[in-house]
Amino acid sequence: MMRAFYARDSAAERIFLVGVRTTGIFCRPTCGARKPKPENIAFYRDASAALHDGFRPCKLCKPLDATLPPPALVQRLRDAVESRSHRAHH
């Protein structure tokens, strides 16, 4: 996760969020903001966990915006499951 965060790897979108202890903000892994020191980072599986720990959403990357499409890997997995499900019902 650390490597994906520092590389702004788009494959990590919707997989985890990153809390920055020094600012109290949580971000998407692809956020364009300046990257914090590793010791100031906390990883979260979802926004509710970050919010529960007292972090607020970043105004730059808007981690609460659910209108963004899922990462390509997640979409391929969803498509595979749905196509199998449809075949099973026919």
PDB file of N, CA and C in Angstrom:
ATOM      1  N   MET A   1       0.828  -1.190   0.000  1.00  0.00           N
ATOM      2  CA  MET A   1       0.000   0.000   0.000  1.00  0.00           C
ATOM      3  C   MET A   1       0.871   1.251   0.000  1.00  0.00           C
ATOM      4  N   MET A   2       1.950   1.197   0.761  1.00  0.00           N
ATOM      5  CA  MET A   2       2.847   2.355   0.822  1.00  0.00           C
ATOM      6  C   MET A   2       3.402   2.667  -0.573  1.00  0.00           C
ATOM      7  N   ARG A   3       3.856   1.633  -1.268  1.00  0.00           N
ATOM      8  CA  ARG A   3       4.427   1.823  -2.605  1.00  0.00           C
ATOM      9  C   ARG A   3       3.366   2.378  -3.563  1.00  0.00           C
ATOM     10  N   ALA A   4       2.150   1.832  -3.506  1.00  0.00           N
ATOM     11  CA  ALA A   4       1.073   2.302  -4.386  1.00  0.00           C
ATOM     12  C   ALA A   4       0.733   3.756  -4.085  1.00  0.00           C
ATOM     13  N   PHE A   5       0.719   4.115  -2.809  1.00  0.00           N
ATOM     14  CA  PHE A   5       0.403   5.486  -2.413  1.00  0.00           C
ATOM     15  C   PHE A   5       1.446   6.467  -2.943  1.00  0.00           C
ATOM     16  N   TYR A   6       2.724   6.174  -2.731  1.00  0.00           N
ATOM     17  CA  TYR A   6       3.765   7.094  -3.190  1.00  0.00           C
ATOM     18  C   TYR A   6       3.871   7.157  -4.713  1.00  0.00           C
ATOM     19  N   ALA A   7       3.453   6.079  -5.396  1.00  0.00           N
ATOM     20  CA  ALA A   7       3.483   6.056  -6.871  1.00  0.00           C
ATOM     21  C   ALA A   7       2.187   6.601  -7.470  1.00  0.00           C
ATOM     22  N   ARG A   8       1.208   6.933  -6.600  1.00  0.00           N
ATOM     23  CA  ARG A   8      -0.126   7.368  -7.067  1.00  0.00           C
ATOM     24  C   ARG A   8      -0.708   6.350  -8.052  1.00  0.00           C
ATOM     25  N   ASP A   9      -0.586   5.075  -7.698  1.00  0.00           N
ATOM     26  CA  ASP A   9      -1.018   3.964  -8.542  1.00  0.00           C
ATOM     27  C   ASP A   9      -2.549   3.924  -8.635  1.00  0.00           C
ATOM     28  N   SER A  10      -3.077   4.114  -9.830  1.00  0.00           N
ATOM     29  CA  SER A  10      -4.526   4.146 -10.005  1.00  0.00           C
ATOM     30  C   SER A  10      -5.180   2.797  -9.720  1.00  0.00           C
ATOM     31  N   ALA A  11      -4.424   1.709  -9.754  1.00  0.00           N
ATOM     32  CA  ALA A  11      -4.975   0.389  -9.426  1.00  0.00           C
ATOM     33  C   ALA A  11      -5.382   0.311  -7.953  1.00  0.00           C
ATOM     34  N   ALA A  12      -4.865   1.216  -7.132  1.00  0.00           N
ATOM     35  CA  ALA A  12      -5.177   1.205  -5.701  1.00  0.00           C
ATOM     36  C   ALA A  12      -6.457   1.970  -5.369  1.00  0.00           C
ATOM     37  N   GLU A  13      -7.012   2.687  -6.336  1.00  0.00           N
ATOM     38  CA  GLU A  13      -8.259   3.429  -6.102  1.00  0.00           C
ATOM     39  C   GLU A  13      -9.346   2.492  -5.618  1.00  0.00           C
ATOM     40  N   ARG A  14     -10.107   2.934  -4.625  1.00  0.00           N
ATOM     41  CA  ARG A  14     -11.215   2.188  -4.035  1.00  0.00           C
ATOM     42  C   ARG A  14     -10.763   0.940  -3.279  1.00  0.00           C
ATOM     43  N   ILE A  15      -9.451   0.719  -3.140  1.00  0.00           N
ATOM     44  CA  ILE A  15      -8.947  -0.423  -2.392  1.00  0.00           C
ATOM     45  C   ILE A  15      -8.628   0.008  -0.957  1.00  0.00           C
ATOM     46  N   PHE A  16      -8.035   1.189  -0.831  1.00  0.00           N
ATOM     47  CA  PHE A  16      -7.719   1.726   0.496  1.00  0.00           C
ATOM     48  C   PHE A  16      -7.671   3.239   0.448  1.00  0.00           C
ATOM     49  N   LEU A  17      -7.709   3.849   1.632  1.00  0.00           N
ATOM     50  CA  LEU A  17      -7.562   5.296   1.791  1.00  0.00           C
ATOM     51  C   LEU A  17      -6.387   5.535   2.734  1.00  0.00           C
ATOM     52  N   VAL A  18      -5.877   6.751   2.700  1.00  0.00           N
ATOM     53  CA  VAL A  18      -4.703   7.083   3.492  1.00  0.00           C
ATOM     54  C   VAL A  18      -4.991   8.269   4.396  1.00  0.00           C
ATOM     55  N   GLY A  19      -4.801   8.078   5.693  1.00  0.00           N
ATOM     56  CA  GLY A  19      -4.931   9.165   6.651  1.00  0.00           C
ATOM     57  C   GLY A  19      -3.570   9.774   6.920  1.00  0.00           C
ATOM     58  N   VAL A  20      -3.516  11.086   7.010  1.00  0.00           N
ATOM     59  CA  VAL A  20      -2.262  11.791   7.288  1.00  0.00           C
ATOM     60  C   VAL A  20      -2.383  12.397   8.689  1.00  0.00           C
ATOM     61  N   ARG A  21      -1.638  11.835   9.620  1.00  0.00           N
ATOM     62  CA  ARG A  21      -1.765  12.234  11.027  1.00  0.00           C
ATOM     63  C   ARG A  21      -1.435  13.704  11.269  1.00  0.00           C
ATOM     64  N   THR A  22      -0.504  14.265  10.527  1.00  0.00           N
ATOM     65  CA  THR A  22      -0.087  15.654  10.770  1.00  0.00           C
ATOM     66  C   THR A  22      -1.120  16.679  10.314  1.00  0.00           C
ATOM     67  N   THR A  23      -1.965  16.305   9.363  1.00  0.00           N
ATOM     68  CA  THR A  23      -2.975  17.241   8.861  1.00  0.00           C
ATOM     69  C   THR A  23      -4.389  16.858   9.305  1.00  0.00           C
ATOM     70  N   GLY A  24      -4.596  15.599   9.690  1.00  0.00           N
ATOM     71  CA  GLY A  24      -5.926  15.142  10.069  1.00  0.00           C
ATOM     72  C   GLY A  24      -6.834  14.906   8.875  1.00  0.00           C
ATOM     73  N   ILE A  25      -6.244  14.746   7.710  1.00  0.00           N
ATOM     74  CA  ILE A  25      -7.005  14.575   6.465  1.00  0.00           C
ATOM     75  C   ILE A  25      -6.783  13.165   5.928  1.00  0.00           C
ATOM     76  N   PHE A  26      -7.827  12.603   5.281  1.00  0.00           N
ATOM     77  CA  PHE A  26      -7.620  11.331   4.585  1.00  0.00           C
ATOM     78  C   PHE A  26      -7.839  11.517   3.097  1.00  0.00           C
ATOM     79  N   CYS A  27      -7.074  10.759   2.311  1.00  0.00           N
ATOM     80  CA  CYS A  27      -7.016  10.917   0.859  1.00  0.00           C
ATOM     81  C   CYS A  27      -7.154   9.593   0.125  1.00  0.00           C
ATOM     82  N   ARG A  28      -7.430   9.732  -1.168  1.00  0.00           N
ATOM     83  CA  ARG A  28      -7.342   8.594  -2.086  1.00  0.00           C
ATOM     84  C   ARG A  28      -5.846   8.307  -2.294  1.00  0.00           C
ATOM     85  N   PRO A  29      -5.502   7.079  -2.676  1.00  0.00           N
ATOM     86  CA  PRO A  29      -4.083   6.784  -2.920  1.00  0.00           C
ATOM     87  C   PRO A  29      -3.495   7.567  -4.095  1.00  0.00           C
ATOM     88  N   THR A  30      -4.339   8.083  -4.971  1.00  0.00           N
ATOM     89  CA  THR A  30      -3.857   8.821  -6.145  1.00  0.00           C
ATOM     90  C   THR A  30      -3.865  10.332  -5.942  1.00  0.00           C
ATOM     91  N   CYS A  31      -4.120  10.795  -4.735  1.00  0.00           N
ATOM     92  CA  CYS A  31      -4.217  12.234  -4.479  1.00  0.00           C
ATOM     93  C   CYS A  31      -2.967  12.980  -4.952  1.00  0.00           C
ATOM     94  N   GLY A  32      -3.188  14.152  -5.531  1.00  0.00           N
ATOM     95  CA  GLY A  32      -2.097  14.953  -6.053  1.00  0.00           C
ATOM     96  C   GLY A  32      -1.405  15.819  -5.014  1.00  0.00           C
ATOM     97  N   ALA A  33      -1.895  15.790  -3.769  1.00  0.00           N
ATOM     98  CA  ALA A  33      -1.264  16.602  -2.712  1.00  0.00           C
ATOM     99  C   ALA A  33       0.143  16.081  -2.415  1.00  0.00           C
ATOM    100  N   ARG A  34       0.946  16.943  -1.817  1.00  0.00           N
ATOM    101  CA  ARG A  34       2.302  16.560  -1.417  1.00  0.00           C
ATOM    102  C   ARG A  34       2.228  15.356  -0.487  1.00  0.00           C
ATOM    103  N   LYS A  35       3.100  14.384  -0.717  1.00  0.00           N
ATOM    104  CA  LYS A  35       3.074  13.153   0.059  1.00  0.00           C
ATOM    105  C   LYS A  35       3.731  13.358   1.424  1.00  0.00           C
ATOM    106  N   PRO A  36       3.091  12.844   2.483  1.00  0.00           N
ATOM    107  CA  PRO A  36       3.648  12.977   3.831  1.00  0.00           C
ATOM    108  C   PRO A  36       4.768  11.971   4.079  1.00  0.00           C
ATOM    109  N   LYS A  37       5.445  12.139   5.200  1.00  0.00           N
ATOM    110  CA  LYS A  37       6.460  11.170   5.615  1.00  0.00           C
ATOM    111  C   LYS A  37       5.758   9.864   5.969  1.00  0.00           C
ATOM    112  N   PRO A  38       6.395   8.728   5.703  1.00  0.00           N
ATOM    113  CA  PRO A  38       5.770   7.427   5.978  1.00  0.00           C
ATOM    114  C   PRO A  38       5.292   7.265   7.421  1.00  0.00           C
ATOM    115  N   GLU A  39       5.998   7.830   8.368  1.00  0.00           N
ATOM    116  CA  GLU A  39       5.599   7.661   9.773  1.00  0.00           C
ATOM    117  C   GLU A  39       4.323   8.427  10.124  1.00  0.00           C
ATOM    118  N   ASN A  40       3.869   9.298   9.238  1.00  0.00           N
ATOM    119  CA  ASN A  40       2.648  10.077   9.480  1.00  0.00           C
ATOM    120  C   ASN A  40       1.425   9.513   8.755  1.00  0.00           C
ATOM    121  N   ILE A  41       1.546   8.308   8.211  1.00  0.00           N
ATOM    122  CA  ILE A  41       0.493   7.711   7.397  1.00  0.00           C
ATOM    123  C   ILE A  41      -0.233   6.602   8.155  1.00  0.00           C
ATOM    124  N   ALA A  42      -1.541   6.562   7.983  1.00  0.00           N
ATOM    125  CA  ALA A  42      -2.362   5.453   8.470  1.00  0.00           C
ATOM    126  C   ALA A  42      -3.226   4.996   7.303  1.00  0.00           C
ATOM    127  N   PHE A  43      -3.353   3.697   7.116  1.00  0.00           N
ATOM    128  CA  PHE A  43      -4.152   3.161   6.012  1.00  0.00           C
ATOM    129  C   PHE A  43      -5.524   2.724   6.517  1.00  0.00           C
ATOM    130  N   TYR A  44      -6.544   2.944   5.669  1.00  0.00           N
ATOM    131  CA  TYR A  44      -7.917   2.585   6.009  1.00  0.00           C
ATOM    132  C   TYR A  44      -8.559   1.858   4.842  1.00  0.00           C
ATOM    133  N   ARG A  45      -9.428   0.905   5.173  1.00  0.00           N
ATOM    134  CA  ARG A  45     -10.124   0.162   4.108  1.00  0.00           C
ATOM    135  C   ARG A  45     -11.283   0.946   3.529  1.00  0.00           C
ATOM    136  N   ASP A  46     -11.816   1.893   4.325  1.00  0.00           N
ATOM    137  CA  ASP A  46     -12.937   2.690   3.813  1.00  0.00           C
ATOM    138  C   ASP A  46     -13.018   4.022   4.555  1.00  0.00           C
ATOM    139  N   ALA A  47     -13.860   4.902   4.033  1.00  0.00           N
ATOM    140  CA  ALA A  47     -13.972   6.250   4.586  1.00  0.00           C
ATOM    141  C   ALA A  47     -14.544   6.236   6.000  1.00  0.00           C
ATOM    142  N   SER A  48     -15.466   5.323   6.285  1.00  0.00           N
ATOM    143  CA  SER A  48     -16.058   5.326   7.628  1.00  0.00           C
ATOM    144  C   SER A  48     -15.009   5.045   8.698  1.00  0.00           C
ATOM    145  N   ALA A  49     -14.047   4.180   8.403  1.00  0.00           N
ATOM    146  CA  ALA A  49     -12.979   3.894   9.366  1.00  0.00           C
ATOM    147  C   ALA A  49     -12.103   5.128   9.583  1.00  0.00           C
ATOM    148  N   ALA A  50     -11.784   5.843   8.501  1.00  0.00           N
ATOM    149  CA  ALA A  50     -10.967   7.060   8.616  1.00  0.00           C
ATOM    150  C   ALA A  50     -11.734   8.141   9.376  1.00  0.00           C
ATOM    151  N   LEU A  51     -13.015   8.294   9.077  1.00  0.00           N
ATOM    152  CA  LEU A  51     -13.843   9.282   9.772  1.00  0.00           C
ATOM    153  C   LEU A  51     -13.953   8.935  11.260  1.00  0.00           C
ATOM    154  N   HIS A  52     -14.101   7.660  11.570  1.00  0.00           N
ATOM    155  CA  HIS A  52     -14.202   7.207  12.959  1.00  0.00           C
ATOM    156  C   HIS A  52     -12.948   7.572  13.749  1.00  0.00           C
ATOM    157  N   ASP A  53     -11.799   7.542  13.084  1.00  0.00           N
ATOM    158  CA  ASP A  53     -10.535   7.900  13.741  1.00  0.00           C
ATOM    159  C   ASP A  53     -10.295   9.410  13.776  1.00  0.00           C
ATOM    160  N   GLY A  54     -11.258  10.194  13.322  1.00  0.00           N
ATOM    161  CA  GLY A  54     -11.156  11.641  13.425  1.00  0.00           C
ATOM    162  C   GLY A  54     -10.580  12.368  12.224  1.00  0.00           C
ATOM    163  N   PHE A  55     -10.342  11.639  11.130  1.00  0.00           N
ATOM    164  CA  PHE A  55      -9.830  12.287   9.918  1.00  0.00           C
ATOM    165  C   PHE A  55     -10.988  12.906   9.144  1.00  0.00           C
ATOM    166  N   ARG A  56     -10.684  13.968   8.405  1.00  0.00           N
ATOM    167  CA  ARG A  56     -11.691  14.595   7.543  1.00  0.00           C
ATOM    168  C   ARG A  56     -11.261  14.419   6.083  1.00  0.00           C
ATOM    169  N   PRO A  57     -12.225  14.421   5.160  1.00  0.00           N
ATOM    170  CA  PRO A  57     -11.886  14.173   3.753  1.00  0.00           C
ATOM    171  C   PRO A  57     -11.091  15.313   3.123  1.00  0.00           C
ATOM    172  N   CYS A  58     -10.163  14.939   2.267  1.00  0.00           N
ATOM    173  CA  CYS A  58      -9.335  15.891   1.517  1.00  0.00           C
ATOM    174  C   CYS A  58     -10.213  16.662   0.535  1.00  0.00           C
ATOM    175  N   LYS A  59      -9.999  17.962   0.439  1.00  0.00           N
ATOM    176  CA  LYS A  59     -10.760  18.786  -0.509  1.00  0.00           C
ATOM    177  C   LYS A  59     -10.207  18.673  -1.922  1.00  0.00           C
ATOM    178  N   LEU A  60      -8.983  18.164  -2.055  1.00  0.00           N
ATOM    179  CA  LEU A  60      -8.369  18.034  -3.373  1.00  0.00           C
ATOM    180  C   LEU A  60      -8.842  16.763  -4.095  1.00  0.00           C
ATOM    181  N   CYS A  61      -8.759  15.610  -3.431  1.00  0.00           N
ATOM    182  CA  CYS A  61      -9.098  14.343  -4.105  1.00  0.00           C
ATOM    183  C   CYS A  61     -10.501  13.842  -3.803  1.00  0.00           C
ATOM    184  N   LYS A  62     -11.207  14.470  -2.859  1.00  0.00           N
ATOM    185  CA  LYS A  62     -12.603  14.148  -2.543  1.00  0.00           C
ATOM    186  C   LYS A  62     -12.841  12.639  -2.358  1.00  0.00           C
ATOM    187  N   PRO A  63     -12.282  12.053  -1.310  1.00  0.00           N
ATOM    188  CA  PRO A  63     -12.405  10.601  -1.129  1.00  0.00           C
ATOM    189  C   PRO A  63     -13.816  10.101  -0.829  1.00  0.00           C
ATOM    190  N   LEU A  64     -14.758  10.992  -0.559  1.00  0.00           N
ATOM    191  CA  LEU A  64     -16.138  10.558  -0.327  1.00  0.00           C
ATOM    192  C   LEU A  64     -16.972  10.558  -1.600  1.00  0.00           C
ATOM    193  N   ASP A  65     -16.407  10.998  -2.719  1.00  0.00           N
ATOM    194  CA  ASP A  65     -17.128  11.065  -3.990  1.00  0.00           C
ATOM    195  C   ASP A  65     -17.296   9.659  -4.563  1.00  0.00           C
ATOM    196  N   ALA A  66     -18.502   9.128  -4.479  1.00  0.00           N
ATOM    197  CA  ALA A  66     -18.769   7.765  -4.938  1.00  0.00           C
ATOM    198  C   ALA A  66     -19.068   7.687  -6.431  1.00  0.00           C
ATOM    199  N   THR A  67     -18.998   8.813  -7.141  1.00  0.00           N
ATOM    200  CA  THR A  67     -19.328   8.789  -8.566  1.00  0.00           C
ATOM    201  C   THR A  67     -18.157   8.336  -9.431  1.00  0.00           C
ATOM    202  N   LEU A  68     -16.975   8.230  -8.845  1.00  0.00           N
ATOM    203  CA  LEU A  68     -15.831   7.779  -9.633  1.00  0.00           C
ATOM    204  C   LEU A  68     -15.975   6.302  -9.967  1.00  0.00           C
ATOM    205  N   PRO A  69     -15.536   5.887 -11.137  1.00  0.00           N
ATOM    206  CA  PRO A  69     -15.640   4.471 -11.495  1.00  0.00           C
ATOM    207  C   PRO A  69     -14.676   3.630 -10.651  1.00  0.00           C
ATOM    208  N   PRO A  70     -15.002   2.343 -10.472  1.00  0.00           N
ATOM    209  CA  PRO A  70     -14.095   1.487  -9.711  1.00  0.00           C
ATOM    210  C   PRO A  70     -12.811   1.234 -10.507  1.00  0.00           C
ATOM    211  N   PRO A  71     -11.756   0.769  -9.849  1.00  0.00           N
ATOM    212  CA  PRO A  71     -10.534   0.444 -10.587  1.00  0.00           C
ATOM    213  C   PRO A  71     -10.795  -0.674 -11.592  1.00  0.00           C
ATOM    214  N   ALA A  72      -9.976  -0.738 -12.633  1.00  0.00           N
ATOM    215  CA  ALA A  72     -10.174  -1.695 -13.715  1.00  0.00           C
ATOM    216  C   ALA A  72     -10.246  -3.134 -13.208  1.00  0.00           C
ATOM    217  N   LEU A  73      -9.378  -3.508 -12.273  1.00  0.00           N
ATOM    218  CA  LEU A  73      -9.381  -4.874 -11.746  1.00  0.00           C
ATOM    219  C   LEU A  73     -10.715  -5.186 -11.070  1.00  0.00           C
ATOM    220  N   VAL A  74     -11.208  -4.285 -10.261  1.00  0.00           N
ATOM    221  CA  VAL A  74     -12.484  -4.499  -9.569  1.00  0.00           C
ATOM    222  C   VAL A  74     -13.617  -4.615 -10.588  1.00  0.00           C
ATOM    223  N   GLN A  75     -13.607  -3.783 -11.614  1.00  0.00           N
ATOM    224  CA  GLN A  75     -14.652  -3.853 -12.636  1.00  0.00           C
ATOM    225  C   GLN A  75     -14.606  -5.179 -13.380  1.00  0.00           C
ATOM    226  N   ARG A  76     -13.401  -5.675 -13.715  1.00  0.00           N
ATOM    227  CA  ARG A  76     -13.281  -6.969 -14.399  1.00  0.00           C
ATOM    228  C   ARG A  76     -13.818  -8.094 -13.516  1.00  0.00           C
ATOM    229  N   LEU A  77     -13.522  -8.044 -12.219  1.00  0.00           N
ATOM    230  CA  LEU A  77     -14.027  -9.062 -11.301  1.00  0.00           C
ATOM    231  C   LEU A  77     -15.552  -9.006 -11.203  1.00  0.00           C
ATOM    232  N   ARG A  78     -16.097  -7.801 -11.104  1.00  0.00           N
ATOM    233  CA  ARG A  78     -17.564  -7.649 -11.062  1.00  0.00           C
ATOM    234  C   ARG A  78     -18.197  -8.204 -12.325  1.00  0.00           C
ATOM    235  N   ASP A  79     -17.613  -7.864 -13.483  1.00  0.00           N
ATOM    236  CA  ASP A  79     -18.153  -8.344 -14.757  1.00  0.00           C
ATOM    237  C   ASP A  79     -18.117  -9.867 -14.823  1.00  0.00           C
ATOM    238  N   ALA A  80     -17.027 -10.474 -14.361  1.00  0.00           N
ATOM    239  CA  ALA A  80     -16.894 -11.928 -14.383  1.00  0.00           C
ATOM    240  C   ALA A  80     -17.945 -12.585 -13.498  1.00  0.00           C
ATOM    241  N   VAL A  81     -18.138 -12.038 -12.306  1.00  0.00           N
ATOM    242  CA  VAL A  81     -19.139 -12.587 -11.382  1.00  0.00           C
ATOM    243  C   VAL A  81     -20.538 -12.442 -11.968  1.00  0.00           C
ATOM    244  N   GLU A  82     -20.831 -11.285 -12.522  1.00  0.00           N
ATOM    245  CA  GLU A  82     -22.162 -11.059 -13.100  1.00  0.00           C
ATOM    246  C   GLU A  82     -22.420 -11.969 -14.296  1.00  0.00           C
ATOM    247  N   SER A  83     -21.423 -12.179 -15.141  1.00  0.00           N
ATOM    248  CA  SER A  83     -21.650 -13.029 -16.311  1.00  0.00           C
ATOM    249  C   SER A  83     -21.870 -14.479 -15.874  1.00  0.00           C
ATOM    250  N   ARG A  84     -21.173 -14.941 -14.859  1.00  0.00           N
ATOM    251  CA  ARG A  84     -21.394 -16.297 -14.339  1.00  0.00           C
ATOM    252  C   ARG A  84     -22.773 -16.406 -13.701  1.00  0.00           C
ATOM    253  N   SER A  85     -23.169 -15.369 -12.998  1.00  0.00           N
ATOM    254  CA  SER A  85     -24.465 -15.360 -12.332  1.00  0.00           C
ATOM    255  C   SER A  85     -25.598 -15.428 -13.355  1.00  0.00           C
ATOM    256  N   HIS A  86     -25.457 -14.677 -14.439  1.00  0.00           N
ATOM    257  CA  HIS A  86     -26.489 -14.680 -15.484  1.00  0.00           C
ATOM    258  C   HIS A  86     -26.579 -16.029 -16.176  1.00  0.00           C
ATOM    259  N   ARG A  87     -25.430 -16.667 -16.408  1.00  0.00           N
ATOM    260  CA  ARG A  87     -25.424 -17.992 -17.057  1.00  0.00           C
ATOM    261  C   ARG A  87     -26.065 -19.038 -16.142  1.00  0.00           C
ATOM    262  N   ALA A  88     -25.853 -18.915 -14.846  1.00  0.00           N
ATOM    263  CA  ALA A  88     -26.404 -19.877 -13.893  1.00  0.00           C
ATOM    264  C   ALA A  88     -27.927 -19.814 -13.808  1.00  0.00           C
ATOM    265  N   HIS A  89     -28.493 -18.655 -14.080  1.00  0.00           N
ATOM    266  CA  HIS A  89     -29.944 -18.491 -13.997  1.00  0.00           C
ATOM    267  C   HIS A  89     -30.665 -18.822 -15.299  1.00  0.00           C
ATOM    268  N   HIS A  90     -29.939 -19.093 -16.356  1.00  0.00           N
ATOM    269  CA  HIS A  90     -30.602 -19.357 -17.640  1.00  0.00           C
ATOM    270  C   HIS A  90     -30.597 -20.811 -17.979  1.00  0.00           C
TER     271      HIS A  90
END
